[in-house]
N, C-alpha and C. Protein backbone atom coordinates (compact mmCIF):
# COMPACT_ATOMS: atom_id res chain seq x y z
N MET A 1 0.85 -1.17 0.00
CA MET A 1 0.00 0.00 0.00
C MET A 1 0.90 1.24 0.00
N THR A 2 0.58 2.17 -0.88
CA THR A 2 1.37 3.40 -0.96
C THR A 2 1.03 4.33 0.20
N GLU A 3 1.86 5.33 0.39
CA GLU A 3 1.62 6.32 1.46
C GLU A 3 0.30 7.04 1.22
N GLN A 4 0.01 7.39 -0.04
CA GLN A 4 -1.25 8.07 -0.35
C GLN A 4 -2.44 7.17 -0.05
N GLN A 5 -2.34 5.90 -0.36
CA GLN A 5 -3.43 4.97 -0.05
C GLN A 5 -3.65 4.86 1.45
N ARG A 6 -2.57 4.87 2.23
CA ARG A 6 -2.69 4.83 3.69
C ARG A 6 -3.36 6.09 4.21
N ILE A 7 -3.00 7.23 3.65
CA ILE A 7 -3.61 8.50 4.05
C ILE A 7 -5.10 8.50 3.70
N ASP A 8 -5.43 8.06 2.49
CA ASP A 8 -6.84 7.99 2.06
C ASP A 8 -7.63 7.04 2.94
N ALA A 9 -7.06 5.90 3.27
CA ALA A 9 -7.74 4.92 4.12
C ALA A 9 -7.97 5.49 5.52
N ALA A 10 -6.98 6.20 6.04
CA ALA A 10 -7.13 6.81 7.37
C ALA A 10 -8.22 7.88 7.36
N ARG A 11 -8.25 8.69 6.31
CA ARG A 11 -9.31 9.71 6.18
C ARG A 11 -10.68 9.06 6.09
N GLN A 12 -10.78 8.00 5.30
CA GLN A 12 -12.07 7.32 5.14
C GLN A 12 -12.52 6.72 6.47
N ALA A 13 -11.61 6.13 7.20
CA ALA A 13 -11.94 5.54 8.51
C ALA A 13 -12.42 6.63 9.49
N GLU A 14 -11.75 7.76 9.47
CA GLU A 14 -12.14 8.87 10.34
C GLU A 14 -13.52 9.40 9.96
N PHE A 15 -13.78 9.52 8.66
CA PHE A 15 -15.08 9.97 8.17
C PHE A 15 -16.17 8.99 8.57
N ASP A 16 -15.93 7.70 8.36
CA ASP A 16 -16.91 6.67 8.73
C ASP A 16 -17.19 6.69 10.23
N GLN A 17 -16.16 6.87 11.04
CA GLN A 17 -16.33 6.92 12.48
C GLN A 17 -17.15 8.14 12.89
N SER A 18 -16.91 9.27 12.25
CA SER A 18 -17.67 10.48 12.61
C SER A 18 -19.14 10.32 12.24
N LEU A 19 -19.43 9.64 11.14
CA LEU A 19 -20.83 9.40 10.77
C LEU A 19 -21.49 8.40 11.72
N ALA A 20 -20.77 7.36 12.08
CA ALA A 20 -21.32 6.35 12.99
C ALA A 20 -21.66 6.95 14.35
N ALA A 21 -20.94 7.99 14.75
CA ALA A 21 -21.20 8.63 16.05
C ALA A 21 -22.57 9.30 16.10
N TRP A 22 -23.17 9.57 14.95
CA TRP A 22 -24.49 10.19 14.92
C TRP A 22 -25.62 9.20 15.25
N ARG A 23 -25.39 7.93 15.13
CA ARG A 23 -26.45 6.94 15.42
C ARG A 23 -26.92 7.10 16.85
N GLY A 24 -28.24 7.29 17.00
CA GLY A 24 -28.84 7.46 18.31
C GLY A 24 -28.93 8.90 18.78
N ALA A 25 -28.28 9.81 18.06
CA ALA A 25 -28.31 11.23 18.45
C ALA A 25 -29.66 11.84 18.08
N PRO A 26 -30.12 12.83 18.86
CA PRO A 26 -31.36 13.52 18.52
C PRO A 26 -31.20 14.36 17.25
N VAL A 27 -32.24 14.43 16.46
CA VAL A 27 -32.19 15.19 15.21
C VAL A 27 -31.93 16.67 15.50
N GLN A 28 -32.37 17.17 16.65
CA GLN A 28 -32.11 18.57 16.99
C GLN A 28 -30.60 18.83 17.10
N GLU A 29 -29.87 17.86 17.61
CA GLU A 29 -28.41 17.98 17.72
C GLU A 29 -27.77 18.03 16.33
N LEU A 30 -28.28 17.19 15.42
CA LEU A 30 -27.78 17.18 14.04
C LEU A 30 -27.97 18.54 13.40
N ARG A 31 -29.18 19.09 13.53
CA ARG A 31 -29.48 20.40 12.94
C ARG A 31 -28.66 21.51 13.58
N ALA A 32 -28.43 21.42 14.89
CA ALA A 32 -27.62 22.43 15.57
C ALA A 32 -26.18 22.40 15.06
N LYS A 33 -25.68 21.22 14.79
CA LYS A 33 -24.27 21.06 14.36
C LYS A 33 -24.09 21.34 12.86
N LEU A 34 -25.00 20.82 12.03
CA LEU A 34 -24.82 20.90 10.57
C LEU A 34 -25.68 21.97 9.90
N GLY A 35 -26.62 22.55 10.63
CA GLY A 35 -27.48 23.57 10.05
C GLY A 35 -28.68 22.97 9.35
N THR A 36 -29.32 23.77 8.57
CA THR A 36 -30.51 23.35 7.83
C THR A 36 -30.12 22.35 6.75
N PRO A 37 -30.83 21.23 6.68
CA PRO A 37 -30.50 20.25 5.63
C PRO A 37 -30.86 20.76 4.24
N SER A 38 -30.26 20.18 3.24
CA SER A 38 -30.58 20.51 1.85
C SER A 38 -32.02 20.11 1.53
N ALA A 39 -32.48 19.04 2.16
CA ALA A 39 -33.85 18.56 1.96
C ALA A 39 -34.23 17.65 3.13
N VAL A 40 -35.54 17.55 3.37
CA VAL A 40 -36.09 16.59 4.33
C VAL A 40 -37.19 15.84 3.61
N HIS A 41 -37.10 14.51 3.62
CA HIS A 41 -38.07 13.67 2.92
C HIS A 41 -38.85 12.83 3.94
N PRO A 42 -40.11 13.21 4.23
CA PRO A 42 -40.92 12.38 5.13
C PRO A 42 -41.21 11.03 4.47
N GLN A 43 -41.21 9.98 5.26
CA GLN A 43 -41.47 8.63 4.76
C GLN A 43 -42.87 8.18 5.21
N ARG A 44 -43.41 7.20 4.56
CA ARG A 44 -44.76 6.70 4.89
C ARG A 44 -44.87 6.16 6.30
N ASP A 45 -43.77 5.63 6.83
CA ASP A 45 -43.80 5.04 8.17
C ASP A 45 -43.64 6.07 9.29
N GLY A 46 -43.59 7.36 8.94
CA GLY A 46 -43.45 8.40 9.94
C GLY A 46 -42.01 8.85 10.15
N SER A 47 -41.07 8.11 9.61
CA SER A 47 -39.66 8.51 9.72
C SER A 47 -39.38 9.60 8.68
N SER A 48 -38.18 10.17 8.73
CA SER A 48 -37.76 11.19 7.76
C SER A 48 -36.33 10.93 7.35
N VAL A 49 -35.98 11.41 6.18
CA VAL A 49 -34.61 11.36 5.70
C VAL A 49 -34.14 12.80 5.57
N TYR A 50 -33.11 13.14 6.35
CA TYR A 50 -32.50 14.47 6.30
C TYR A 50 -31.30 14.38 5.37
N VAL A 51 -31.29 15.19 4.33
CA VAL A 51 -30.26 15.14 3.31
C VAL A 51 -29.35 16.37 3.43
N TYR A 52 -28.06 16.11 3.51
CA TYR A 52 -27.05 17.17 3.49
C TYR A 52 -26.17 16.90 2.28
N ALA A 53 -26.15 17.86 1.35
CA ALA A 53 -25.40 17.69 0.10
C ALA A 53 -24.44 18.86 -0.10
N LYS A 54 -23.26 18.54 -0.56
CA LYS A 54 -22.26 19.56 -0.89
C LYS A 54 -21.70 19.24 -2.27
N SER A 55 -21.49 20.27 -3.07
CA SER A 55 -20.88 20.14 -4.39
C SER A 55 -19.80 21.19 -4.53
N ALA A 56 -18.79 20.87 -5.29
CA ALA A 56 -17.72 21.82 -5.55
C ALA A 56 -16.96 21.42 -6.80
N ARG A 57 -16.30 22.37 -7.37
CA ARG A 57 -15.39 22.11 -8.48
C ARG A 57 -13.99 22.28 -7.90
N LEU A 58 -13.26 21.20 -7.88
CA LEU A 58 -11.94 21.18 -7.27
C LEU A 58 -10.85 21.15 -8.34
N SER A 59 -9.72 21.70 -8.00
CA SER A 59 -8.56 21.63 -8.90
C SER A 59 -7.78 20.37 -8.60
N SER A 60 -7.28 19.77 -9.65
CA SER A 60 -6.43 18.59 -9.48
C SER A 60 -5.31 18.67 -10.50
N ALA A 61 -4.37 17.77 -10.40
CA ALA A 61 -3.24 17.75 -11.33
C ALA A 61 -3.72 17.52 -12.77
N LYS A 62 -4.88 16.88 -12.92
CA LYS A 62 -5.42 16.59 -14.25
C LYS A 62 -6.45 17.62 -14.70
N GLY A 63 -6.61 18.69 -13.91
CA GLY A 63 -7.59 19.72 -14.25
C GLY A 63 -8.75 19.71 -13.27
N PRO A 64 -9.79 20.51 -13.55
CA PRO A 64 -10.93 20.61 -12.63
C PRO A 64 -11.69 19.28 -12.50
N VAL A 65 -12.14 19.02 -11.30
CA VAL A 65 -12.90 17.81 -11.01
C VAL A 65 -14.15 18.21 -10.22
N ASP A 66 -15.30 17.67 -10.62
CA ASP A 66 -16.53 17.93 -9.87
C ASP A 66 -16.60 16.98 -8.68
N PHE A 67 -16.89 17.53 -7.52
CA PHE A 67 -17.01 16.76 -6.29
C PHE A 67 -18.42 16.92 -5.77
N ARG A 68 -19.04 15.82 -5.38
CA ARG A 68 -20.38 15.86 -4.80
C ARG A 68 -20.43 14.85 -3.67
N CYS A 69 -20.90 15.31 -2.54
CA CYS A 69 -21.02 14.47 -1.36
C CYS A 69 -22.44 14.62 -0.82
N VAL A 70 -23.13 13.50 -0.68
CA VAL A 70 -24.48 13.50 -0.14
C VAL A 70 -24.51 12.54 1.04
N VAL A 71 -24.98 13.06 2.19
CA VAL A 71 -25.14 12.22 3.38
C VAL A 71 -26.61 12.28 3.77
N ARG A 72 -27.22 11.11 3.90
CA ARG A 72 -28.62 11.00 4.30
C ARG A 72 -28.70 10.41 5.70
N TYR A 73 -29.34 11.15 6.58
CA TYR A 73 -29.54 10.71 7.96
C TYR A 73 -30.97 10.22 8.08
N LEU A 74 -31.15 8.98 8.48
CA LEU A 74 -32.47 8.39 8.63
C LEU A 74 -32.93 8.64 10.07
N VAL A 75 -34.07 9.34 10.21
CA VAL A 75 -34.54 9.77 11.52
C VAL A 75 -35.84 9.04 11.87
N ASP A 76 -35.84 8.39 13.03
CA ASP A 76 -37.02 7.69 13.53
C ASP A 76 -38.12 8.71 13.84
N GLY A 77 -39.30 8.47 13.33
CA GLY A 77 -40.41 9.41 13.52
C GLY A 77 -40.89 9.50 14.95
N ARG A 78 -40.81 8.42 15.69
CA ARG A 78 -41.30 8.40 17.07
C ARG A 78 -40.31 9.03 18.03
N THR A 79 -39.05 8.65 17.93
CA THR A 79 -38.04 9.11 18.89
C THR A 79 -37.31 10.38 18.44
N GLN A 80 -37.41 10.69 17.14
CA GLN A 80 -36.68 11.82 16.54
C GLN A 80 -35.16 11.68 16.74
N ARG A 81 -34.70 10.42 16.69
CA ARG A 81 -33.27 10.12 16.79
C ARG A 81 -32.79 9.48 15.49
N ILE A 82 -31.52 9.68 15.21
CA ILE A 82 -30.93 9.13 13.98
C ILE A 82 -30.71 7.64 14.15
N ASN A 83 -31.26 6.86 13.21
CA ASN A 83 -31.09 5.43 13.30
C ASN A 83 -30.35 4.83 12.10
N GLY A 84 -29.84 5.69 11.25
CA GLY A 84 -29.04 5.20 10.13
C GLY A 84 -28.44 6.34 9.34
N VAL A 85 -27.38 6.04 8.61
CA VAL A 85 -26.69 7.03 7.79
C VAL A 85 -26.31 6.37 6.47
N GLU A 86 -26.57 7.07 5.36
CA GLU A 86 -26.17 6.61 4.04
C GLU A 86 -25.29 7.68 3.41
N VAL A 87 -24.25 7.27 2.73
CA VAL A 87 -23.29 8.19 2.13
C VAL A 87 -23.20 7.91 0.64
N GLU A 88 -23.11 8.99 -0.15
CA GLU A 88 -22.97 8.85 -1.59
C GLU A 88 -21.91 9.82 -2.09
N GLY A 89 -20.87 9.30 -2.68
CA GLY A 89 -19.88 10.11 -3.36
C GLY A 89 -18.86 10.84 -2.50
N CYS A 90 -18.85 10.60 -1.24
CA CYS A 90 -17.94 11.36 -0.35
C CYS A 90 -16.57 10.71 -0.28
């Protein structure tokens, strides 16, 4: 494994750990920390999906690269606590 791969793996592990720490947290805490979500999708079962999305155009050695990161927090409708996290593109 190269040094860059080790750095990337360490960053990914840190990111995954920070997301896992949200499980069981109240949704009010999530909103206080991350602000207003990009979208909230109520579900038929009373739960909600809070979506936080970021996009950017980044510079790289090969030229500009589009970056998009979407994190969906699954919130239990009864307890208003986070019971799952889904990540896309981060």
